[in-house]
Each structure stands twice: as structure tokens, then as C-alpha cells.
Amino acid sequence: MKRLRTFGAFLYDFVVGDDWRIAVAVVAALAITVGVARTAIPAWWVVPAAVLLILPVSLVIAVRRR
């Protein structure tokens, strides 16, 4: 049980990291990619567009913390 709890803590820290909002944005971008891929629209652009939106937000949050 301790190993499972340790692995869960590692996984949470790896996925969520310092800011849970960024992790939620990444999951949302992947979900939108899946949704767009099921249509006739090409889905390759969703994740790069999400990075262009998420990266500045992440940098602003990091700068404000210091």
C-alpha cells in the first residue's frame, strides 16, 4: 500500500507540478483535440494553439510568484 501511495504522489507531482491550472488546460487541449479529430477538421493545430495560449499565462504566474 505504501508503494501505491508513493507512486500516486509521484504521478500527481509529475502531472500537476507547480500549477494545477496548467495541467487542467493541457487536459482540456487534449480533449478538444479528440473532439476536433472526430470531425472533418484537421486536429493538428489544437495543441500548438493551446501552447501559445498557455505558455504566456504560465510565465506570468511564475513571475508573480517571485
PDB file of N, CA and C in Angstrom:
ATOM      1  N   MET A   1       0.821  -1.192   0.000  1.00  0.00           N
ATOM      2  CA  MET A   1       0.000   0.000   0.000  1.00  0.00           C
ATOM      3  C   MET A   1       0.868   1.261   0.000  1.00  0.00           C
ATOM      4  N   LYS A   2       1.994   1.202   0.706  1.00  0.00           N
ATOM      5  CA  LYS A   2       2.878   2.364   0.749  1.00  0.00           C
ATOM      6  C   LYS A   2       3.444   2.669  -0.637  1.00  0.00           C
ATOM      7  N   ARG A   3       3.782   1.620  -1.388  1.00  0.00           N
ATOM      8  CA  ARG A   3       4.315   1.841  -2.742  1.00  0.00           C
ATOM      9  C   ARG A   3       3.267   2.476  -3.641  1.00  0.00           C
ATOM     10  N   LEU A   4       2.027   2.042  -3.499  1.00  0.00           N
ATOM     11  CA  LEU A   4       0.952   2.612  -4.300  1.00  0.00           C
ATOM     12  C   LEU A   4       0.741   4.082  -3.949  1.00  0.00           C
ATOM     13  N   ARG A   5       0.778   4.401  -2.693  1.00  0.00           N
ATOM     14  CA  ARG A   5       0.638   5.791  -2.255  1.00  0.00           C
ATOM     15  C   ARG A   5       1.815   6.635  -2.733  1.00  0.00           C
ATOM     16  N   THR A   6       3.018   6.082  -2.679  1.00  0.00           N
ATOM     17  CA  THR A   6       4.203   6.793  -3.155  1.00  0.00           C
ATOM     18  C   THR A   6       4.121   7.036  -4.658  1.00  0.00           C
ATOM     19  N   PHE A   7       3.687   6.015  -5.402  1.00  0.00           N
ATOM     20  CA  PHE A   7       3.539   6.177  -6.851  1.00  0.00           C
ATOM     21  C   PHE A   7       2.459   7.210  -7.163  1.00  0.00           C
ATOM     22  N   GLY A   8       1.367   7.208  -6.423  1.00  0.00           N
ATOM     23  CA  GLY A   8       0.310   8.204  -6.619  1.00  0.00           C
ATOM     24  C   GLY A   8       0.814   9.614  -6.366  1.00  0.00           C
ATOM     25  N   ALA A   9       1.627   9.782  -5.328  1.00  0.00           N
ATOM     26  CA  ALA A   9       2.200  11.094  -5.039  1.00  0.00           C
ATOM     27  C   ALA A   9       3.151  11.536  -6.156  1.00  0.00           C
ATOM     28  N   PHE A  10       3.953  10.595  -6.657  1.00  0.00           N
ATOM     29  CA  PHE A  10       4.845  10.913  -7.772  1.00  0.00           C
ATOM     30  C   PHE A  10       4.048  11.308  -9.008  1.00  0.00           C
ATOM     31  N   LEU A  11       3.019  10.534  -9.327  1.00  0.00           N
ATOM     32  CA  LEU A  11       2.220  10.799 -10.518  1.00  0.00           C
ATOM     33  C   LEU A  11       1.524  12.154 -10.424  1.00  0.00           C
ATOM     34  N   TYR A  12       0.989  12.465  -9.256  1.00  0.00           N
ATOM     35  CA  TYR A  12       0.355  13.765  -9.060  1.00  0.00           C
ATOM     36  C   TYR A  12       1.368  14.899  -9.248  1.00  0.00           C
ATOM     37  N   ASP A  13       2.538  14.750  -8.648  1.00  0.00           N
ATOM     38  CA  ASP A  13       3.563  15.791  -8.768  1.00  0.00           C
ATOM     39  C   ASP A  13       4.063  15.913 -10.202  1.00  0.00           C
ATOM     40  N   PHE A  14       4.150  14.795 -10.921  1.00  0.00           N
ATOM     41  CA  PHE A  14       4.623  14.816 -12.302  1.00  0.00           C
ATOM     42  C   PHE A  14       3.604  15.469 -13.229  1.00  0.00           C
ATOM     43  N   VAL A  15       2.335  15.126 -13.063  1.00  0.00           N
ATOM     44  CA  VAL A  15       1.302  15.642 -13.961  1.00  0.00           C
ATOM     45  C   VAL A  15       0.913  17.063 -13.589  1.00  0.00           C
ATOM     46  N   VAL A  16       0.638  17.313 -12.332  1.00  0.00           N
ATOM     47  CA  VAL A  16       0.154  18.623 -11.903  1.00  0.00           C
ATOM     48  C   VAL A  16       1.312  19.588 -11.723  1.00  0.00           C
ATOM     49  N   GLY A  17       2.370  19.147 -11.108  1.00  0.00           N
ATOM     50  CA  GLY A  17       3.545  20.001 -10.921  1.00  0.00           C
ATOM     51  C   GLY A  17       3.264  21.175 -10.012  1.00  0.00           C
ATOM     52  N   ASP A  18       3.670  22.359 -10.435  1.00  0.00           N
ATOM     53  CA  ASP A  18       3.529  23.544  -9.604  1.00  0.00           C
ATOM     54  C   ASP A  18       2.164  24.200  -9.714  1.00  0.00           C
ATOM     55  N   ASP A  19       1.488  24.033 -10.834  1.00  0.00           N
ATOM     56  CA  ASP A  19       0.236  24.753 -11.040  1.00  0.00           C
ATOM     57  C   ASP A  19      -0.817  23.822 -11.631  1.00  0.00           C
ATOM     58  N   TRP A  20      -1.872  23.599 -10.902  1.00  0.00           N
ATOM     59  CA  TRP A  20      -2.928  22.704 -11.348  1.00  0.00           C
ATOM     60  C   TRP A  20      -3.688  23.285 -12.539  1.00  0.00           C
ATOM     61  N   ARG A  21      -3.693  24.598 -12.670  1.00  0.00           N
ATOM     62  CA  ARG A  21      -4.423  25.214 -13.788  1.00  0.00           C
ATOM     63  C   ARG A  21      -3.791  24.873 -15.130  1.00  0.00           C
ATOM     64  N   ILE A  22      -2.483  24.789 -15.164  1.00  0.00           N
ATOM     65  CA  ILE A  22      -1.802  24.416 -16.401  1.00  0.00           C
ATOM     66  C   ILE A  22      -2.120  22.966 -16.753  1.00  0.00           C
ATOM     67  N   ALA A  23      -2.139  22.090 -15.754  1.00  0.00           N
ATOM     68  CA  ALA A  23      -2.486  20.689 -16.003  1.00  0.00           C
ATOM     69  C   ALA A  23      -3.908  20.570 -16.537  1.00  0.00           C
ATOM     70  N   VAL A  24      -4.834  21.340 -15.996  1.00  0.00           N
ATOM     71  CA  VAL A  24      -6.218  21.319 -16.482  1.00  0.00           C
ATOM     72  C   VAL A  24      -6.286  21.836 -17.912  1.00  0.00           C
ATOM     73  N   ALA A  25      -5.525  22.863 -18.221  1.00  0.00           N
ATOM     74  CA  ALA A  25      -5.507  23.408 -19.578  1.00  0.00           C
ATOM     75  C   ALA A  25      -4.956  22.390 -20.577  1.00  0.00           C
ATOM     76  N   VAL A  26      -3.946  21.650 -20.189  1.00  0.00           N
ATOM     77  CA  VAL A  26      -3.378  20.629 -21.070  1.00  0.00           C
ATOM     78  C   VAL A  26      -4.390  19.513 -21.310  1.00  0.00           C
ATOM     79  N   VAL A  27      -5.051  19.069 -20.259  1.00  0.00           N
ATOM     80  CA  VAL A  27      -6.076  18.031 -20.414  1.00  0.00           C
ATOM     81  C   VAL A  27      -7.215  18.542 -21.289  1.00  0.00           C
ATOM     82  N   ALA A  28      -7.607  19.785 -21.101  1.00  0.00           N
ATOM     83  CA  ALA A  28      -8.663  20.368 -21.937  1.00  0.00           C
ATOM     84  C   ALA A  28      -8.218  20.444 -23.402  1.00  0.00           C
ATOM     85  N   ALA A  29      -6.968  20.815 -23.649  1.00  0.00           N
ATOM     86  CA  ALA A  29      -6.460  20.882 -25.020  1.00  0.00           C
ATOM     87  C   ALA A  29      -6.468  19.504 -25.668  1.00  0.00           C
ATOM     88  N   LEU A  30      -6.102  18.483 -24.916  1.00  0.00           N
ATOM     89  CA  LEU A  30      -6.137  17.133 -25.460  1.00  0.00           C
ATOM     90  C   LEU A  30      -7.565  16.677 -25.724  1.00  0.00           C
ATOM     91  N   ALA A  31      -8.486  17.028 -24.840  1.00  0.00           N
ATOM     92  CA  ALA A  31      -9.892  16.676 -25.047  1.00  0.00           C
ATOM     93  C   ALA A  31     -10.466  17.390 -26.269  1.00  0.00           C
ATOM     94  N   ILE A  32     -10.107  18.649 -26.442  1.00  0.00           N
ATOM     95  CA  ILE A  32     -10.553  19.388 -27.628  1.00  0.00           C
ATOM     96  C   ILE A  32      -9.959  18.766 -28.887  1.00  0.00           C
ATOM     97  N   THR A  33      -8.714  18.328 -28.814  1.00  0.00           N
ATOM     98  CA  THR A  33      -8.084  17.670 -29.957  1.00  0.00           C
ATOM     99  C   THR A  33      -8.850  16.410 -30.343  1.00  0.00           C
ATOM    100  N   VAL A  34      -9.238  15.634 -29.353  1.00  0.00           N
ATOM    101  CA  VAL A  34     -10.022  14.424 -29.628  1.00  0.00           C
ATOM    102  C   VAL A  34     -11.352  14.793 -30.264  1.00  0.00           C
ATOM    103  N   GLY A  35     -11.997  15.818 -29.739  1.00  0.00           N
ATOM    104  CA  GLY A  35     -13.272  16.249 -30.295  1.00  0.00           C
ATOM    105  C   GLY A  35     -13.156  16.735 -31.723  1.00  0.00           C
ATOM    106  N   VAL A  36     -12.124  17.503 -32.007  1.00  0.00           N
ATOM    107  CA  VAL A  36     -11.920  18.025 -33.362  1.00  0.00           C
ATOM    108  C   VAL A  36     -11.528  16.893 -34.307  1.00  0.00           C
ATOM    109  N   ALA A  37     -10.769  15.929 -33.825  1.00  0.00           N
ATOM    110  CA  ALA A  37     -10.326  14.817 -34.669  1.00  0.00           C
ATOM    111  C   ALA A  37     -11.498  13.969 -35.144  1.00  0.00           C
ATOM    112  N   ARG A  38     -12.576  13.980 -34.402  1.00  0.00           N
ATOM    113  CA  ARG A  38     -13.758  13.201 -34.797  1.00  0.00           C
ATOM    114  C   ARG A  38     -14.593  13.908 -35.853  1.00  0.00           C
ATOM    115  N   THR A  39     -14.216  15.110 -36.220  1.00  0.00           N
ATOM    116  CA  THR A  39     -14.908  15.843 -37.271  1.00  0.00           C
ATOM    117  C   THR A  39     -14.063  15.801 -38.539  1.00  0.00           C
ATOM    118  N   ALA A  40     -14.500  16.537 -39.531  1.00  0.00           N
ATOM    119  CA  ALA A  40     -13.739  16.588 -40.784  1.00  0.00           C
ATOM    120  C   ALA A  40     -12.604  17.608 -40.725  1.00  0.00           C
ATOM    121  N   ILE A  41     -12.523  18.372 -39.647  1.00  0.00           N
ATOM    122  CA  ILE A  41     -11.492  19.402 -39.499  1.00  0.00           C
ATOM    123  C   ILE A  41     -10.191  18.749 -39.030  1.00  0.00           C
ATOM    124  N   PRO A  42      -9.056  19.087 -39.620  1.00  0.00           N
ATOM    125  CA  PRO A  42      -7.778  18.558 -39.128  1.00  0.00           C
ATOM    126  C   PRO A  42      -7.517  19.032 -37.692  1.00  0.00           C
ATOM    127  N   ALA A  43      -6.975  18.150 -36.877  1.00  0.00           N
ATOM    128  CA  ALA A  43      -6.817  18.452 -35.456  1.00  0.00           C
ATOM    129  C   ALA A  43      -5.384  18.775 -35.055  1.00  0.00           C
ATOM    130  N   TRP A  44      -4.464  18.822 -35.985  1.00  0.00           N
ATOM    131  CA  TRP A  44      -3.052  19.001 -35.633  1.00  0.00           C
ATOM    132  C   TRP A  44      -2.786  20.358 -34.990  1.00  0.00           C
ATOM    133  N   TRP A  45      -3.596  21.355 -35.234  1.00  0.00           N
ATOM    134  CA  TRP A  45      -3.346  22.724 -34.807  1.00  0.00           C
ATOM    135  C   TRP A  45      -3.798  23.013 -33.371  1.00  0.00           C
ATOM    136  N   VAL A  46      -4.565  22.133 -32.778  1.00  0.00           N
ATOM    137  CA  VAL A  46      -5.161  22.430 -31.466  1.00  0.00           C
ATOM    138  C   VAL A  46      -4.099  22.517 -30.376  1.00  0.00           C
ATOM    139  N   VAL A  47      -3.230  21.543 -30.288  1.00  0.00           N
ATOM    140  CA  VAL A  47      -2.220  21.543 -29.216  1.00  0.00           C
ATOM    141  C   VAL A  47      -1.217  22.691 -29.382  1.00  0.00           C
ATOM    142  N   PRO A  48      -0.687  22.965 -30.584  1.00  0.00           N
ATOM    143  CA  PRO A  48       0.189  24.139 -30.706  1.00  0.00           C
ATOM    144  C   PRO A  48      -0.506  25.450 -30.346  1.00  0.00           C
ATOM    145  N   ALA A  49      -1.777  25.575 -30.710  1.00  0.00           N
ATOM    146  CA  ALA A  49      -2.518  26.786 -30.343  1.00  0.00           C
ATOM    147  C   ALA A  49      -2.691  26.868 -28.831  1.00  0.00           C
ATOM    148  N   ALA A  50      -2.933  25.736 -28.204  1.00  0.00           N
ATOM    149  CA  ALA A  50      -3.069  25.723 -26.744  1.00  0.00           C
ATOM    150  C   ALA A  50      -1.750  26.108 -26.079  1.00  0.00           C
ATOM    151  N   VAL A  51      -0.647  25.653 -26.618  1.00  0.00           N
ATOM    152  CA  VAL A  51       0.660  26.016 -26.061  1.00  0.00           C
ATOM    153  C   VAL A  51       0.879  27.521 -26.176  1.00  0.00           C
ATOM    154  N   LEU A  52       0.504  28.086 -27.321  1.00  0.00           N
ATOM    155  CA  LEU A  52       0.650  29.531 -27.493  1.00  0.00           C
ATOM    156  C   LEU A  52      -0.210  30.320 -26.512  1.00  0.00           C
ATOM    157  N   LEU A  53      -1.311  29.747 -26.070  1.00  0.00           N
ATOM    158  CA  LEU A  53      -2.164  30.414 -25.090  1.00  0.00           C
ATOM    159  C   LEU A  53      -1.719  30.145 -23.649  1.00  0.00           C
ATOM    160  N   ILE A  54      -1.292  28.917 -23.387  1.00  0.00           N
ATOM    161  CA  ILE A  54      -0.960  28.506 -22.019  1.00  0.00           C
ATOM    162  C   ILE A  54       0.416  29.032 -21.587  1.00  0.00           C
ATOM    163  N   LEU A  55       1.379  29.059 -22.474  1.00  0.00           N
ATOM    164  CA  LEU A  55       2.745  29.452 -22.111  1.00  0.00           C
ATOM    165  C   LEU A  55       2.832  30.858 -21.523  1.00  0.00           C
ATOM    166  N   PRO A  56       2.238  31.878 -22.145  1.00  0.00           N
ATOM    167  CA  PRO A  56       2.312  33.209 -21.523  1.00  0.00           C
ATOM    168  C   PRO A  56       1.641  33.264 -20.154  1.00  0.00           C
ATOM    169  N   VAL A  57       0.531  32.548 -20.013  1.00  0.00           N
ATOM    170  CA  VAL A  57      -0.146  32.509 -18.708  1.00  0.00           C
ATOM    171  C   VAL A  57       0.773  31.871 -17.666  1.00  0.00           C
ATOM    172  N   SER A  58       1.417  30.790 -18.042  1.00  0.00           N
ATOM    173  CA  SER A  58       2.337  30.113 -17.132  1.00  0.00           C
ATOM    174  C   SER A  58       3.497  31.023 -16.736  1.00  0.00           C
ATOM    175  N   LEU A  59       4.023  31.760 -17.692  1.00  0.00           N
ATOM    176  CA  LEU A  59       5.132  32.675 -17.391  1.00  0.00           C
ATOM    177  C   LEU A  59       4.695  33.805 -16.473  1.00  0.00           C
ATOM    178  N   VAL A  60       3.514  34.352 -16.686  1.00  0.00           N
ATOM    179  CA  VAL A  60       3.011  35.420 -15.819  1.00  0.00           C
ATOM    180  C   VAL A  60       2.835  34.898 -14.397  1.00  0.00           C
ATOM    181  N   ILE A  61       2.290  33.708 -14.248  1.00  0.00           N
ATOM    182  CA  ILE A  61       2.101  33.116 -12.918  1.00  0.00           C
ATOM    183  C   ILE A  61       3.451  32.910 -12.239  1.00  0.00           C
ATOM    184  N   ALA A  62       4.431  32.413 -12.995  1.00  0.00           N
ATOM    185  CA  ALA A  62       5.753  32.166 -12.413  1.00  0.00           C
ATOM    186  C   ALA A  62       6.435  33.465 -11.990  1.00  0.00           C
ATOM    187  N   VAL A  63       6.286  34.523 -12.775  1.00  0.00           N
ATOM    188  CA  VAL A  63       6.923  35.780 -12.444  1.00  0.00           C
ATOM    189  C   VAL A  63       6.252  36.402 -11.220  1.00  0.00           C
ATOM    190  N   ARG A  64       4.949  36.307 -11.120  1.00  0.00           N
ATOM    191  CA  ARG A  64       4.243  36.870  -9.967  1.00  0.00           C
ATOM    192  C   ARG A  64       4.597  36.166  -8.675  1.00  0.00           C
ATOM    193  N   ARG A  65       4.918  34.886  -8.742  1.00  0.00           N
ATOM    194  CA  ARG A  65       5.267  34.142  -7.532  1.00  0.00           C
ATOM    195  C   ARG A  65       6.595  34.606  -6.959  1.00  0.00           C
ATOM    196  N   ARG A  66       7.476  35.130  -7.785  1.00  0.00           N
ATOM    197  CA  ARG A  66       8.787  35.578  -7.312  1.00  0.00           C
ATOM    198  C   ARG A  66       8.644  36.958  -6.814  1.00  0.00           C
TER     199      ARG A  66
END
